[in-house]
Amino acid sequence: QVQLVESGGGLVQAGGSLTLSCATSGIIFSLAPMGWHRQAPGKQRELVATISSGSRVHYGDSMKGRFTISRDNAKSTVYLQMNSLKPENTAVYYCNSDRSIWGQGTQVTVSS
């Protein structure tokens, strides 16, 4: 059974940091491109970051410099480190495998 389970979301003040985790099962994680997207209320889902099986990374334009995606193949887990958070970063953050398998999402709320 394929599962992607996000964790680490929550409420944080502006300027703070959070690290999201996405634990996977049922996929060959070491070969899987992984990514994070987010969706704010009333807005379309947007790219946050992706990481290839070879750990090549790509970030959405507004994430560069503040967000870091990484992966641990031994744990079949992908991470998203978010620093200097802003209220506009408030959204549900979704983990995905190759944009075809999605987790249930984790809420991130940044207060001003």
C-alpha atoms as a PDB file:
ATOM      1  CA  GLN A   1       0.000   0.000   0.000  1.00  0.00           C
ATOM      2  CA  VAL A   2       1.387   3.338  -1.051  1.00  0.00           C
ATOM      3  CA  GLN A   3       1.334   6.009   1.638  1.00  0.00           C
ATOM      4  CA  LEU A   4       2.737   9.492   1.987  1.00  0.00           C
ATOM      5  CA  VAL A   5       2.247  10.926   5.460  1.00  0.00           C
ATOM      6  CA  GLU A   6       3.138  14.524   6.201  1.00  0.00           C
ATOM      7  CA  SER A   7       3.891  15.879   9.658  1.00  0.00           C
ATOM      8  CA  GLY A   8       5.433  18.913  11.293  1.00  0.00           C
ATOM      9  CA  GLY A   9       2.898  21.564  10.433  1.00  0.00           C
ATOM     10  CA  GLY A  10       1.455  23.926  12.992  1.00  0.00           C
ATOM     11  CA  LEU A  11       1.161  27.507  14.131  1.00  0.00           C
ATOM     12  CA  VAL A  12       4.258  29.693  14.118  1.00  0.00           C
ATOM     13  CA  GLN A  13       4.908  33.406  14.409  1.00  0.00           C
ATOM     14  CA  ALA A  14       6.208  35.395  11.480  1.00  0.00           C
ATOM     15  CA  GLY A  15       9.964  35.040  11.247  1.00  0.00           C
ATOM     16  CA  GLY A  16       9.891  31.589  12.758  1.00  0.00           C
ATOM     17  CA  SER A  17      10.833  28.217  11.311  1.00  0.00           C
ATOM     18  CA  LEU A  18       9.225  24.851  10.744  1.00  0.00           C
ATOM     19  CA  THR A  19      10.427  21.564   9.336  1.00  0.00           C
ATOM     20  CA  LEU A  20       7.916  19.382   7.538  1.00  0.00           C
ATOM     21  CA  SER A  21       8.469  15.666   7.074  1.00  0.00           C
ATOM     22  CA  CYS A  22       6.901  13.251   4.628  1.00  0.00           C
ATOM     23  CA  ALA A  23       7.314   9.590   5.450  1.00  0.00           C
ATOM     24  CA  THR A  24       6.644   7.251   2.558  1.00  0.00           C
ATOM     25  CA  SER A  25       5.901   3.573   2.163  1.00  0.00           C
ATOM     26  CA  GLY A  26       5.047   1.344  -0.751  1.00  0.00           C
ATOM     27  CA  ILE A  27       7.271   3.147  -3.266  1.00  0.00           C
ATOM     28  CA  ILE A  28      10.884   2.684  -4.314  1.00  0.00           C
ATOM     29  CA  PHE A  29      11.804   5.901  -2.584  1.00  0.00           C
ATOM     30  CA  SER A  30      15.410   6.089  -3.736  1.00  0.00           C
ATOM     31  CA  LEU A  31      14.232   6.233  -7.365  1.00  0.00           C
ATOM     32  CA  ALA A  32      11.317   8.599  -6.814  1.00  0.00           C
ATOM     33  CA  PRO A  33      11.296  12.304  -7.602  1.00  0.00           C
ATOM     34  CA  MET A  34       9.669  13.985  -4.617  1.00  0.00           C
ATOM     35  CA  GLY A  35       8.140  17.361  -4.076  1.00  0.00           C
ATOM     36  CA  TRP A  36       6.187  19.749  -1.925  1.00  0.00           C
ATOM     37  CA  HIS A  37       3.303  21.874  -3.095  1.00  0.00           C
ATOM     38  CA  ARG A  38       1.012  24.132  -1.109  1.00  0.00           C
ATOM     39  CA  GLN A  39      -2.488  25.485  -1.382  1.00  0.00           C
ATOM     40  CA  ALA A  40      -3.780  28.545   0.387  1.00  0.00           C
ATOM     41  CA  PRO A  41      -7.508  29.206   0.810  1.00  0.00           C
ATOM     42  CA  GLY A  42      -9.033  30.408  -2.433  1.00  0.00           C
ATOM     43  CA  LYS A  43      -5.830  29.898  -4.380  1.00  0.00           C
ATOM     44  CA  GLN A  44      -4.480  27.294  -6.739  1.00  0.00           C
ATOM     45  CA  ARG A  45      -2.001  24.701  -5.612  1.00  0.00           C
ATOM     46  CA  GLU A  46       1.537  25.939  -6.264  1.00  0.00           C
ATOM     47  CA  LEU A  47       4.987  24.439  -6.384  1.00  0.00           C
ATOM     48  CA  VAL A  48       7.154  24.820  -3.323  1.00  0.00           C
ATOM     49  CA  ALA A  49      10.107  22.587  -4.133  1.00  0.00           C
ATOM     50  CA  THR A  50      11.129  19.364  -5.828  1.00  0.00           C
ATOM     51  CA  ILE A  51      14.047  17.020  -5.390  1.00  0.00           C
ATOM     52  CA  SER A  52      15.097  14.403  -7.896  1.00  0.00           C
ATOM     53  CA  SER A  53      16.278  10.893  -7.122  1.00  0.00           C
ATOM     54  CA  GLY A  54      19.777  12.282  -7.507  1.00  0.00           C
ATOM     55  CA  SER A  55      18.999  15.111  -5.048  1.00  0.00           C
ATOM     56  CA  ARG A  56      18.880  17.859  -7.638  1.00  0.00           C
ATOM     57  CA  VAL A  57      16.585  20.530  -6.244  1.00  0.00           C
ATOM     58  CA  HIS A  58      14.264  23.122  -7.707  1.00  0.00           C
ATOM     59  CA  TYR A  59      12.288  25.808  -5.877  1.00  0.00           C
ATOM     60  CA  GLY A  60       9.303  27.945  -6.614  1.00  0.00           C
ATOM     61  CA  ASP A  61      10.311  31.556  -7.165  1.00  0.00           C
ATOM     62  CA  SER A  62       9.113  32.901  -3.840  1.00  0.00           C
ATOM     63  CA  MET A  63      10.697  30.056  -1.852  1.00  0.00           C
ATOM     64  CA  LYS A  64      14.292  30.490  -2.908  1.00  0.00           C
ATOM     65  CA  GLY A  65      16.669  31.258  -0.078  1.00  0.00           C
ATOM     66  CA  ARG A  66      14.227  30.529   2.729  1.00  0.00           C
ATOM     67  CA  PHE A  67      13.081  26.964   2.064  1.00  0.00           C
ATOM     68  CA  THR A  68      15.255  23.863   1.781  1.00  0.00           C
ATOM     69  CA  ILE A  69      14.114  20.485   0.517  1.00  0.00           C
ATOM     70  CA  SER A  70      16.100  17.380   1.345  1.00  0.00           C
ATOM     71  CA  ARG A  71      15.683  13.619   1.368  1.00  0.00           C
ATOM     72  CA  ASP A  72      16.863  10.685   3.423  1.00  0.00           C
ATOM     73  CA  ASN A  73      16.709   7.551   1.324  1.00  0.00           C
ATOM     74  CA  ALA A  74      17.489   5.327   4.308  1.00  0.00           C
ATOM     75  CA  LYS A  75      14.325   6.609   6.007  1.00  0.00           C
ATOM     76  CA  SER A  76      12.239   6.969   2.825  1.00  0.00           C
ATOM     77  CA  THR A  77      11.473  10.492   3.981  1.00  0.00           C
ATOM     78  CA  VAL A  78      11.559  13.898   2.359  1.00  0.00           C
ATOM     79  CA  TYR A  79      11.850  17.106   4.373  1.00  0.00           C
ATOM     80  CA  LEU A  80      11.055  20.763   3.907  1.00  0.00           C
ATOM     81  CA  GLN A  81      12.901  23.217   6.131  1.00  0.00           C
ATOM     82  CA  MET A  82      11.154  26.587   6.148  1.00  0.00           C
ATOM     83  CA  ASN A  83      12.829  29.651   7.626  1.00  0.00           C
ATOM     84  CA  SER A  84      11.810  33.296   7.982  1.00  0.00           C
ATOM     85  CA  LEU A  85       8.181  32.370   7.569  1.00  0.00           C
ATOM     86  CA  LYS A  86       5.667  35.009   6.524  1.00  0.00           C
ATOM     87  CA  PRO A  87       1.884  35.145   6.954  1.00  0.00           C
ATOM     88  CA  GLU A  88       1.527  34.638   3.193  1.00  0.00           C
ATOM     89  CA  ASN A  89       3.159  31.225   3.613  1.00  0.00           C
ATOM     90  CA  THR A  90       0.012  30.045   5.399  1.00  0.00           C
ATOM     91  CA  ALA A  91      -1.336  27.063   3.460  1.00  0.00           C
ATOM     92  CA  VAL A  92      -1.834  23.336   3.451  1.00  0.00           C
ATOM     93  CA  TYR A  93       1.446  21.759   2.398  1.00  0.00           C
ATOM     94  CA  TYR A  94       1.302  18.556   0.386  1.00  0.00           C
ATOM     95  CA  CYS A  95       4.020  16.030  -0.220  1.00  0.00           C
ATOM     96  CA  ASN A  96       4.013  14.170  -3.513  1.00  0.00           C
ATOM     97  CA  SER A  97       5.879  11.492  -5.367  1.00  0.00           C
ATOM     98  CA  ASP A  98       6.473  12.485  -8.979  1.00  0.00           C
ATOM     99  CA  ARG A  99       3.313  14.635  -8.780  1.00  0.00           C
ATOM    100  CA  SER A 100       1.241  11.479  -9.106  1.00  0.00           C
ATOM    101  CA  ILE A 101       0.906  10.259  -5.521  1.00  0.00           C
ATOM    102  CA  TRP A 102      -0.076  12.767  -2.862  1.00  0.00           C
ATOM    103  CA  GLY A 103      -0.227  12.920   0.888  1.00  0.00           C
ATOM    104  CA  GLN A 104      -3.149  14.260   2.864  1.00  0.00           C
ATOM    105  CA  GLY A 105      -1.439  17.559   3.611  1.00  0.00           C
ATOM    106  CA  THR A 106      -0.348  19.358   6.739  1.00  0.00           C
ATOM    107  CA  GLN A 107      -1.543  22.812   7.781  1.00  0.00           C
ATOM    108  CA  VAL A 108       1.004  25.574   8.259  1.00  0.00           C
ATOM    109  CA  THR A 109      -0.279  28.801   9.791  1.00  0.00           C
ATOM    110  CA  VAL A 110       1.971  31.818  10.190  1.00  0.00           C
ATOM    111  CA  SER A 111       0.694  34.558  12.458  1.00  0.00           C
ATOM    112  CA  SER A 112       1.709  38.186  12.113  1.00  0.00           C
END
